[in-house]
Amino acid sequence: MYGLISQMKTLPGRRNEVIAALLAGSKDMPGNITYLIAEDMEDKTLIWITEVWRTKTDHANSLQLESVQEAIGKARPHINGFGTRIETRPVISD
């Protein structure tokens, strides 16, 4: 398995637009187990994204999907940068 935890910084007052675009574009991604978007409770411009994939290749391939490209295009004007990005190896109990 492959995991990714990342922080995205939005322009002030634009967090909801970015979240909506990401949610719309993250449906039906082959190999995706979890795609969780969370609002930072202290900073209203921050979003945390936690992803779990079958493989790192599945994640890379998702970036080529039309729905993901469309979501990136919609979100991009409202993004003000990126912060923490951590690759993980998820452990799931039986």
PDB file of N, CA and C in Angstrom:
ATOM      1  N   MET A   1       0.832  -1.181   0.000  1.00  0.00           N
ATOM      2  CA  MET A   1       0.000   0.000   0.000  1.00  0.00           C
ATOM      3  C   MET A   1       0.879   1.248   0.000  1.00  0.00           C
ATOM      4  N   TYR A   2       0.283   2.319  -0.441  1.00  0.00           N
ATOM      5  CA  TYR A   2       0.972   3.601  -0.522  1.00  0.00           C
ATOM      6  C   TYR A   2       0.058   4.672   0.071  1.00  0.00           C
ATOM      7  N   GLY A   3       0.618   5.520   0.920  1.00  0.00           N
ATOM      8  CA  GLY A   3      -0.154   6.598   1.517  1.00  0.00           C
ATOM      9  C   GLY A   3       0.513   7.940   1.321  1.00  0.00           C
ATOM     10  N   LEU A   4      -0.304   8.957   1.374  1.00  0.00           N
ATOM     11  CA  LEU A   4       0.177  10.319   1.202  1.00  0.00           C
ATOM     12  C   LEU A   4      -0.658  11.232   2.096  1.00  0.00           C
ATOM     13  N   ILE A   5       0.028  12.037   2.888  1.00  0.00           N
ATOM     14  CA  ILE A   5      -0.630  13.051   3.712  1.00  0.00           C
ATOM     15  C   ILE A   5      -0.038  14.386   3.286  1.00  0.00           C
ATOM     16  N   SER A   6      -0.906  15.302   2.859  1.00  0.00           N
ATOM     17  CA  SER A   6      -0.394  16.575   2.360  1.00  0.00           C
ATOM     18  C   SER A   6      -1.240  17.744   2.839  1.00  0.00           C
ATOM     19  N   GLN A   7      -0.589  18.880   2.880  1.00  0.00           N
ATOM     20  CA  GLN A   7      -1.224  20.118   3.316  1.00  0.00           C
ATOM     21  C   GLN A   7      -1.302  21.055   2.119  1.00  0.00           C
ATOM     22  N   MET A   8      -2.483  21.611   1.910  1.00  0.00           N
ATOM     23  CA  MET A   8      -2.696  22.545   0.820  1.00  0.00           C
ATOM     24  C   MET A   8      -3.143  23.884   1.413  1.00  0.00           C
ATOM     25  N   LYS A   9      -2.534  24.961   0.920  1.00  0.00           N
ATOM     26  CA  LYS A   9      -2.874  26.299   1.384  1.00  0.00           C
ATOM     27  C   LYS A   9      -3.752  26.975   0.335  1.00  0.00           C
ATOM     28  N   THR A  10      -4.885  27.499   0.781  1.00  0.00           N
ATOM     29  CA  THR A  10      -5.803  28.171  -0.142  1.00  0.00           C
ATOM     30  C   THR A  10      -5.734  29.685   0.070  1.00  0.00           C
ATOM     31  N   LEU A  11      -6.225  30.397  -0.904  1.00  0.00           N
ATOM     32  CA  LEU A  11      -6.364  31.839  -0.733  1.00  0.00           C
ATOM     33  C   LEU A  11      -7.423  32.101   0.333  1.00  0.00           C
ATOM     34  N   PRO A  12      -7.312  33.195   1.078  1.00  0.00           N
ATOM     35  CA  PRO A  12      -8.303  33.505   2.096  1.00  0.00           C
ATOM     36  C   PRO A  12      -9.717  33.508   1.518  1.00  0.00           C
ATOM     37  N   GLY A  13     -10.624  32.819   2.194  1.00  0.00           N
ATOM     38  CA  GLY A  13     -12.016  32.762   1.783  1.00  0.00           C
ATOM     39  C   GLY A  13     -12.306  31.811   0.632  1.00  0.00           C
ATOM     40  N   ARG A  14     -11.334  31.044   0.182  1.00  0.00           N
ATOM     41  CA  ARG A  14     -11.508  30.159  -0.981  1.00  0.00           C
ATOM     42  C   ARG A  14     -11.387  28.666  -0.648  1.00  0.00           C
ATOM     43  N   ARG A  15     -11.279  28.329   0.605  1.00  0.00           N
ATOM     44  CA  ARG A  15     -11.116  26.932   0.993  1.00  0.00           C
ATOM     45  C   ARG A  15     -12.272  26.064   0.508  1.00  0.00           C
ATOM     46  N   ASN A  16     -13.496  26.547   0.632  1.00  0.00           N
ATOM     47  CA  ASN A  16     -14.656  25.743   0.226  1.00  0.00           C
ATOM     48  C   ASN A  16     -14.650  25.432  -1.271  1.00  0.00           C
ATOM     49  N   GLU A  17     -14.200  26.381  -2.088  1.00  0.00           N
ATOM     50  CA  GLU A  17     -14.134  26.144  -3.530  1.00  0.00           C
ATOM     51  C   GLU A  17     -13.134  25.033  -3.855  1.00  0.00           C
ATOM     52  N   VAL A  18     -11.997  25.048  -3.173  1.00  0.00           N
ATOM     53  CA  VAL A  18     -10.980  24.017  -3.404  1.00  0.00           C
ATOM     54  C   VAL A  18     -11.498  22.657  -2.946  1.00  0.00           C
ATOM     55  N   ILE A  19     -12.104  22.606  -1.772  1.00  0.00           N
ATOM     56  CA  ILE A  19     -12.649  21.346  -1.267  1.00  0.00           C
ATOM     57  C   ILE A  19     -13.691  20.789  -2.225  1.00  0.00           C
ATOM     58  N   ALA A  20     -14.588  21.629  -2.702  1.00  0.00           N
ATOM     59  CA  ALA A  20     -15.633  21.168  -3.632  1.00  0.00           C
ATOM     60  C   ALA A  20     -15.017  20.594  -4.903  1.00  0.00           C
ATOM     61  N   ALA A  21     -14.016  21.257  -5.450  1.00  0.00           N
ATOM     62  CA  ALA A  21     -13.370  20.771  -6.669  1.00  0.00           C
ATOM     63  C   ALA A  21     -12.683  19.435  -6.426  1.00  0.00           C
ATOM     64  N   LEU A  22     -11.974  19.309  -5.304  1.00  0.00           N
ATOM     65  CA  LEU A  22     -11.272  18.063  -4.991  1.00  0.00           C
ATOM     66  C   LEU A  22     -12.243  16.914  -4.757  1.00  0.00           C
ATOM     67  N   LEU A  23     -13.318  17.179  -4.052  1.00  0.00           N
ATOM     68  CA  LEU A  23     -14.312  16.120  -3.814  1.00  0.00           C
ATOM     69  C   LEU A  23     -14.947  15.647  -5.118  1.00  0.00           C
ATOM     70  N   ALA A  24     -15.268  16.577  -5.987  1.00  0.00           N
ATOM     71  CA  ALA A  24     -15.883  16.216  -7.268  1.00  0.00           C
ATOM     72  C   ALA A  24     -14.930  15.409  -8.140  1.00  0.00           C
ATOM     73  N   GLY A  25     -13.650  15.728  -8.086  1.00  0.00           N
ATOM     74  CA  GLY A  25     -12.686  15.072  -8.954  1.00  0.00           C
ATOM     75  C   GLY A  25     -12.091  13.791  -8.417  1.00  0.00           C
ATOM     76  N   SER A  26     -12.417  13.446  -7.161  1.00  0.00           N
ATOM     77  CA  SER A  26     -11.770  12.291  -6.543  1.00  0.00           C
ATOM     78  C   SER A  26     -12.655  11.046  -6.494  1.00  0.00           C
ATOM     79  N   LYS A  27     -13.745  11.061  -7.211  1.00  0.00           N
ATOM     80  CA  LYS A  27     -14.631   9.894  -7.241  1.00  0.00           C
ATOM     81  C   LYS A  27     -14.122   8.895  -8.273  1.00  0.00           C
ATOM     82  N   ASP A  28     -14.285   7.615  -7.983  1.00  0.00           N
ATOM     83  CA  ASP A  28     -13.967   6.559  -8.954  1.00  0.00           C
ATOM     84  C   ASP A  28     -12.547   6.615  -9.477  1.00  0.00           C
ATOM     85  N   MET A  29     -11.582   6.667  -8.567  1.00  0.00           N
ATOM     86  CA  MET A  29     -10.181   6.631  -8.959  1.00  0.00           C
ATOM     87  C   MET A  29      -9.673   5.202  -8.756  1.00  0.00           C
ATOM     88  N   PRO A  30      -9.330   4.515  -9.832  1.00  0.00           N
ATOM     89  CA  PRO A  30      -8.865   3.134  -9.705  1.00  0.00           C
ATOM     90  C   PRO A  30      -7.662   3.013  -8.759  1.00  0.00           C
ATOM     91  N   GLY A  31      -7.745   2.057  -7.854  1.00  0.00           N
ATOM     92  CA  GLY A  31      -6.666   1.824  -6.904  1.00  0.00           C
ATOM     93  C   GLY A  31      -6.744   2.645  -5.637  1.00  0.00           C
ATOM     94  N   ASN A  32      -7.685   3.582  -5.575  1.00  0.00           N
ATOM     95  CA  ASN A  32      -7.813   4.417  -4.380  1.00  0.00           C
ATOM     96  C   ASN A  32      -8.637   3.700  -3.319  1.00  0.00           C
ATOM     97  N   ILE A  33      -8.120   3.672  -2.108  1.00  0.00           N
ATOM     98  CA  ILE A  33      -8.834   3.072  -0.981  1.00  0.00           C
ATOM     99  C   ILE A  33      -9.495   4.158  -0.148  1.00  0.00           C
ATOM    100  N   THR A  34      -8.768   5.255   0.089  1.00  0.00           N
ATOM    101  CA  THR A  34      -9.302   6.367   0.871  1.00  0.00           C
ATOM    102  C   THR A  34      -8.777   7.682   0.318  1.00  0.00           C
ATOM    103  N   TYR A  35      -9.672   8.664   0.197  1.00  0.00           N
ATOM    104  CA  TYR A  35      -9.291  10.027  -0.159  1.00  0.00           C
ATOM    105  C   TYR A  35     -10.072  10.925   0.791  1.00  0.00           C
ATOM    106  N   LEU A  36      -9.395  11.404   1.826  1.00  0.00           N
ATOM    107  CA  LEU A  36     -10.043  12.155   2.894  1.00  0.00           C
ATOM    108  C   LEU A  36      -9.537  13.591   2.897  1.00  0.00           C
ATOM    109  N   ILE A  37     -10.455  14.524   2.840  1.00  0.00           N
ATOM    110  CA  ILE A  37     -10.118  15.946   2.898  1.00  0.00           C
ATOM    111  C   ILE A  37     -10.595  16.472   4.242  1.00  0.00           C
ATOM    112  N   ALA A  38      -9.712  17.183   4.942  1.00  0.00           N
ATOM    113  CA  ALA A  38     -10.059  17.729   6.255  1.00  0.00           C
ATOM    114  C   ALA A  38      -9.689  19.205   6.319  1.00  0.00           C
ATOM    115  N   GLU A  39     -10.540  19.976   6.975  1.00  0.00           N
ATOM    116  CA  GLU A  39     -10.262  21.391   7.204  1.00  0.00           C
ATOM    117  C   GLU A  39      -9.410  21.534   8.458  1.00  0.00           C
ATOM    118  N   ASP A  40      -8.350  22.337   8.380  1.00  0.00           N
ATOM    119  CA  ASP A  40      -7.548  22.649   9.551  1.00  0.00           C
ATOM    120  C   ASP A  40      -8.424  23.452  10.512  1.00  0.00           C
ATOM    121  N   MET A  41      -8.413  23.092  11.788  1.00  0.00           N
ATOM    122  CA  MET A  41      -9.296  23.755  12.749  1.00  0.00           C
ATOM    123  C   MET A  41      -8.789  25.120  13.208  1.00  0.00           C
ATOM    124  N   GLU A  42      -7.501  25.396  13.025  1.00  0.00           N
ATOM    125  CA  GLU A  42      -6.946  26.675  13.474  1.00  0.00           C
ATOM    126  C   GLU A  42      -6.750  27.671  12.346  1.00  0.00           C
ATOM    127  N   ASP A  43      -6.412  27.187  11.168  1.00  0.00           N
ATOM    128  CA  ASP A  43      -6.116  28.071  10.030  1.00  0.00           C
ATOM    129  C   ASP A  43      -7.164  27.836   8.941  1.00  0.00           C
ATOM    130  N   LYS A  44      -7.989  28.820   8.694  1.00  0.00           N
ATOM    131  CA  LYS A  44      -9.102  28.684   7.742  1.00  0.00           C
ATOM    132  C   LYS A  44      -8.667  28.649   6.284  1.00  0.00           C
ATOM    133  N   THR A  45      -7.362  28.724   6.023  1.00  0.00           N
ATOM    134  CA  THR A  45      -6.871  28.622   4.648  1.00  0.00           C
ATOM    135  C   THR A  45      -6.249  27.256   4.363  1.00  0.00           C
ATOM    136  N   LEU A  46      -6.156  26.389   5.366  1.00  0.00           N
ATOM    137  CA  LEU A  46      -5.466  25.111   5.198  1.00  0.00           C
ATOM    138  C   LEU A  46      -6.412  23.931   5.030  1.00  0.00           C
ATOM    139  N   ILE A  47      -5.985  23.015   4.179  1.00  0.00           N
ATOM    140  CA  ILE A  47      -6.683  21.746   3.952  1.00  0.00           C
ATOM    141  C   ILE A  47      -5.647  20.637   4.130  1.00  0.00           C
ATOM    142  N   TRP A  48      -6.043  19.555   4.765  1.00  0.00           N
ATOM    143  CA  TRP A  48      -5.214  18.358   4.893  1.00  0.00           C
ATOM    144  C   TRP A  48      -5.846  17.258   4.054  1.00  0.00           C
ATOM    145  N   ILE A  49      -5.041  16.595   3.241  1.00  0.00           N
ATOM    146  CA  ILE A  49      -5.540  15.524   2.385  1.00  0.00           C
ATOM    147  C   ILE A  49      -4.798  14.239   2.761  1.00  0.00           C
ATOM    148  N   THR A  50      -5.556  13.212   3.103  1.00  0.00           N
ATOM    149  CA  THR A  50      -4.991  11.915   3.451  1.00  0.00           C
ATOM    150  C   THR A  50      -5.457  10.913   2.406  1.00  0.00           C
ATOM    151  N   GLU A  51      -4.505  10.264   1.746  1.00  0.00           N
ATOM    152  CA  GLU A  51      -4.815   9.326   0.671  1.00  0.00           C
ATOM    153  C   GLU A  51      -4.215   7.953   0.980  1.00  0.00           C
ATOM    154  N   VAL A  52      -4.964   6.905   0.659  1.00  0.00           N
ATOM    155  CA  VAL A  52      -4.454   5.545   0.728  1.00  0.00           C
ATOM    156  C   VAL A  52      -4.732   4.890  -0.617  1.00  0.00           C
ATOM    157  N   TRP A  53      -3.671   4.322  -1.191  1.00  0.00           N
ATOM    158  CA  TRP A  53      -3.728   3.704  -2.519  1.00  0.00           C
ATOM    159  C   TRP A  53      -3.210   2.277  -2.445  1.00  0.00           C
ATOM    160  N   ARG A  54      -3.649   1.438  -3.361  1.00  0.00           N
ATOM    161  CA  ARG A  54      -3.090   0.086  -3.441  1.00  0.00           C
ATOM    162  C   ARG A  54      -1.598   0.159  -3.733  1.00  0.00           C
ATOM    163  N   THR A  55      -1.211   1.039  -4.670  1.00  0.00           N
ATOM    164  CA  THR A  55       0.199   1.183  -5.036  1.00  0.00           C
ATOM    165  C   THR A  55       0.520   2.647  -5.336  1.00  0.00           C
ATOM    166  N   LYS A  56       1.809   2.953  -5.323  1.00  0.00           N
ATOM    167  CA  LYS A  56       2.257   4.300  -5.690  1.00  0.00           C
ATOM    168  C   LYS A  56       1.938   4.576  -7.162  1.00  0.00           C
ATOM    169  N   THR A  57       1.998   3.538  -7.982  1.00  0.00           N
ATOM    170  CA  THR A  57       1.665   3.680  -9.410  1.00  0.00           C
ATOM    171  C   THR A  57       0.200   4.053  -9.593  1.00  0.00           C
ATOM    172  N   ASP A  58      -0.693   3.457  -8.789  1.00  0.00           N
ATOM    173  CA  ASP A  58      -2.115   3.835  -8.861  1.00  0.00           C
ATOM    174  C   ASP A  58      -2.283   5.328  -8.591  1.00  0.00           C
ATOM    175  N   HIS A  59      -1.548   5.837  -7.595  1.00  0.00           N
ATOM    176  CA  HIS A  59      -1.627   7.270  -7.306  1.00  0.00           C
ATOM    177  C   HIS A  59      -1.141   8.093  -8.496  1.00  0.00           C
ATOM    178  N   ALA A  60       0.009   7.719  -9.043  1.00  0.00           N
ATOM    179  CA  ALA A  60       0.561   8.452 -10.188  1.00  0.00           C
ATOM    180  C   ALA A  60      -0.397   8.422 -11.376  1.00  0.00           C
ATOM    181  N   ASN A  61      -0.995   7.277 -11.622  1.00  0.00           N
ATOM    182  CA  ASN A  61      -1.937   7.150 -12.740  1.00  0.00           C
ATOM    183  C   ASN A  61      -3.179   8.004 -12.540  1.00  0.00           C
ATOM    184  N   SER A  62      -3.592   8.187 -11.293  1.00  0.00           N
ATOM    185  CA  SER A  62      -4.804   8.982 -11.021  1.00  0.00           C
ATOM    186  C   SER A  62      -4.644  10.423 -11.485  1.00  0.00           C
ATOM    187  N   LEU A  63      -3.418  10.909 -11.484  1.00  0.00           N
ATOM    188  CA  LEU A  63      -3.177  12.293 -11.873  1.00  0.00           C
ATOM    189  C   LEU A  63      -3.424  12.536 -13.358  1.00  0.00           C
ATOM    190  N   GLN A  64      -3.561  11.456 -14.119  1.00  0.00           N
ATOM    191  CA  GLN A  64      -3.836  11.569 -15.554  1.00  0.00           C
ATOM    192  C   GLN A  64      -5.330  11.470 -15.877  1.00  0.00           C
ATOM    193  N   LEU A  65      -6.141  11.108 -14.891  1.00  0.00           N
ATOM    194  CA  LEU A  65      -7.582  10.970 -15.124  1.00  0.00           C
ATOM    195  C   LEU A  65      -8.205  12.316 -15.487  1.00  0.00           C
ATOM    196  N   GLU A  66      -9.152  12.289 -16.415  1.00  0.00           N
ATOM    197  CA  GLU A  66      -9.819  13.517 -16.838  1.00  0.00           C
ATOM    198  C   GLU A  66     -10.490  14.222 -15.665  1.00  0.00           C
ATOM    199  N   SER A  67     -11.148  13.462 -14.797  1.00  0.00           N
ATOM    200  CA  SER A  67     -11.848  14.066 -13.652  1.00  0.00           C
ATOM    201  C   SER A  67     -10.865  14.740 -12.692  1.00  0.00           C
ATOM    202  N   VAL A  68      -9.707  14.151 -12.513  1.00  0.00           N
ATOM    203  CA  VAL A  68      -8.700  14.733 -11.627  1.00  0.00           C
ATOM    204  C   VAL A  68      -8.099  15.986 -12.274  1.00  0.00           C
ATOM    205  N   GLN A  69      -7.809  15.930 -13.558  1.00  0.00           N
ATOM    206  CA  GLN A  69      -7.279  17.098 -14.264  1.00  0.00           C
ATOM    207  C   GLN A  69      -8.270  18.269 -14.215  1.00  0.00           C
ATOM    208  N   GLU A  70      -9.553  17.957 -14.367  1.00  0.00           N
ATOM    209  CA  GLU A  70     -10.587  18.991 -14.297  1.00  0.00           C
ATOM    210  C   GLU A  70     -10.640  19.603 -12.898  1.00  0.00           C
ATOM    211  N   ALA A  71     -10.549  18.765 -11.866  1.00  0.00           N
ATOM    212  CA  ALA A  71     -10.566  19.255 -10.487  1.00  0.00           C
ATOM    213  C   ALA A  71      -9.367  20.160 -10.217  1.00  0.00           C
ATOM    214  N   ILE A  72      -8.201  19.754 -10.702  1.00  0.00           N
ATOM    215  CA  ILE A  72      -7.003  20.568 -10.527  1.00  0.00           C
ATOM    216  C   ILE A  72      -7.191  21.929 -11.199  1.00  0.00           C
ATOM    217  N   GLY A  73      -7.757  21.923 -12.390  1.00  0.00           N
ATOM    218  CA  GLY A  73      -8.000  23.176 -13.101  1.00  0.00           C
ATOM    219  C   GLY A  73      -8.945  24.112 -12.361  1.00  0.00           C
ATOM    220  N   LYS A  74      -9.980  23.541 -11.749  1.00  0.00           N
ATOM    221  CA  LYS A  74     -10.937  24.358 -10.995  1.00  0.00           C
ATOM    222  C   LYS A  74     -10.336  24.875  -9.696  1.00  0.00           C
ATOM    223  N   ALA A  75      -9.521  24.053  -9.046  1.00  0.00           N
ATOM    224  CA  ALA A  75      -8.963  24.423  -7.743  1.00  0.00           C
ATOM    225  C   ALA A  75      -7.772  25.366  -7.860  1.00  0.00           C
ATOM    226  N   ARG A  76      -6.968  25.205  -8.902  1.00  0.00           N
ATOM    227  CA  ARG A  76      -5.694  25.928  -9.040  1.00  0.00           C
ATOM    228  C   ARG A  76      -5.790  27.434  -8.776  1.00  0.00           C
ATOM    229  N   PRO A  77      -6.790  28.160  -9.306  1.00  0.00           N
ATOM    230  CA  PRO A  77      -6.821  29.610  -9.065  1.00  0.00           C
ATOM    231  C   PRO A  77      -7.010  29.987  -7.589  1.00  0.00           C
ATOM    232  N   HIS A  78      -7.449  29.031  -6.770  1.00  0.00           N
ATOM    233  CA  HIS A  78      -7.725  29.308  -5.357  1.00  0.00           C
ATOM    234  C   HIS A  78      -6.652  28.749  -4.422  1.00  0.00           C
ATOM    235  N   ILE A  79      -5.614  28.129  -4.982  1.00  0.00           N
ATOM    236  CA  ILE A  79      -4.553  27.527  -4.178  1.00  0.00           C
ATOM    237  C   ILE A  79      -3.406  28.525  -4.030  1.00  0.00           C
ATOM    238  N   ASN A  80      -2.923  28.629  -2.793  1.00  0.00           N
ATOM    239  CA  ASN A  80      -1.861  29.586  -2.474  1.00  0.00           C
ATOM    240  C   ASN A  80      -0.558  28.875  -2.090  1.00  0.00           C
ATOM    241  N   GLY A  81      -0.461  27.607  -2.393  1.00  0.00           N
ATOM    242  CA  GLY A  81       0.772  26.892  -2.098  1.00  0.00           C
ATOM    243  C   GLY A  81       0.517  25.582  -1.384  1.00  0.00           C
ATOM    244  N   PHE A  82       1.619  24.916  -1.063  1.00  0.00           N
ATOM    245  CA  PHE A  82       1.551  23.613  -0.419  1.00  0.00           C
ATOM    246  C   PHE A  82       2.508  23.603   0.755  1.00  0.00           C
ATOM    247  N   GLY A  83       2.149  22.839   1.763  1.00  0.00           N
ATOM    248  CA  GLY A  83       2.996  22.739   2.952  1.00  0.00           C
ATOM    249  C   GLY A  83       3.546  21.334   3.080  1.00  0.00           C
ATOM    250  N   THR A  84       3.311  20.742   4.214  1.00  0.00           N
ATOM    251  CA  THR A  84       3.807  19.418   4.535  1.00  0.00           C
ATOM    252  C   THR A  84       3.319  18.387   3.521  1.00  0.00           C
ATOM    253  N   ARG A  85       4.225  17.476   3.138  1.00  0.00           N
ATOM    254  CA  ARG A  85       3.862  16.360   2.256  1.00  0.00           C
ATOM    255  C   ARG A  85       4.644  15.152   2.749  1.00  0.00           C
ATOM    256  N   ILE A  86       3.923  14.122   3.170  1.00  0.00           N
ATOM    257  CA  ILE A  86       4.550  12.946   3.753  1.00  0.00           C
ATOM    258  C   ILE A  86       4.052  11.697   3.048  1.00  0.00           C
ATOM    259  N   GLU A  87       4.972  10.870   2.569  1.00  0.00           N
ATOM    260  CA  GLU A  87       4.617   9.571   2.004  1.00  0.00           C
ATOM    261  C   GLU A  87       4.623   8.555   3.145  1.00  0.00           C
ATOM    262  N   THR A  88       3.639   7.664   3.150  1.00  0.00           N
ATOM    263  CA  THR A  88       3.513   6.676   4.218  1.00  0.00           C
ATOM    264  C   THR A  88       3.274   5.287   3.641  1.00  0.00           C
ATOM    265  N   ARG A  89       3.406   4.291   4.491  1.00  0.00           N
ATOM    266  CA  ARG A  89       3.032   2.930   4.152  1.00  0.00           C
ATOM    267  C   ARG A  89       1.925   2.545   5.143  1.00  0.00           C
ATOM    268  N   PRO A  90       0.653   2.662   4.737  1.00  0.00           N
ATOM    269  CA  PRO A  90      -0.451   2.354   5.634  1.00  0.00           C
ATOM    270  C   PRO A  90      -0.419   0.909   6.126  1.00  0.00           C
ATOM    271  N   VAL A  91      -0.805   0.742   7.377  1.00  0.00           N
ATOM    272  CA  VAL A  91      -0.922  -0.566   7.994  1.00  0.00           C
ATOM    273  C   VAL A  91      -2.374  -0.766   8.373  1.00  0.00           C
ATOM    274  N   ILE A  92      -2.977  -1.810   7.824  1.00  0.00           N
ATOM    275  CA  ILE A  92      -4.395  -2.078   8.079  1.00  0.00           C
ATOM    276  C   ILE A  92      -4.508  -3.401   8.814  1.00  0.00           C
ATOM    277  N   SER A  93      -5.282  -3.414   9.889  1.00  0.00           N
ATOM    278  CA  SER A  93      -5.453  -4.649  10.655  1.00  0.00           C
ATOM    279  C   SER A  93      -6.382  -5.601   9.928  1.00  0.00           C
ATOM    280  N   ASP A  94      -6.239  -6.889  10.241  1.00  0.00           N
ATOM    281  CA  ASP A  94      -7.090  -7.920   9.612  1.00  0.00           C
ATOM    282  C   ASP A  94      -8.477  -7.918  10.193  1.00  0.00           C
TER     283      ASP A  94
END
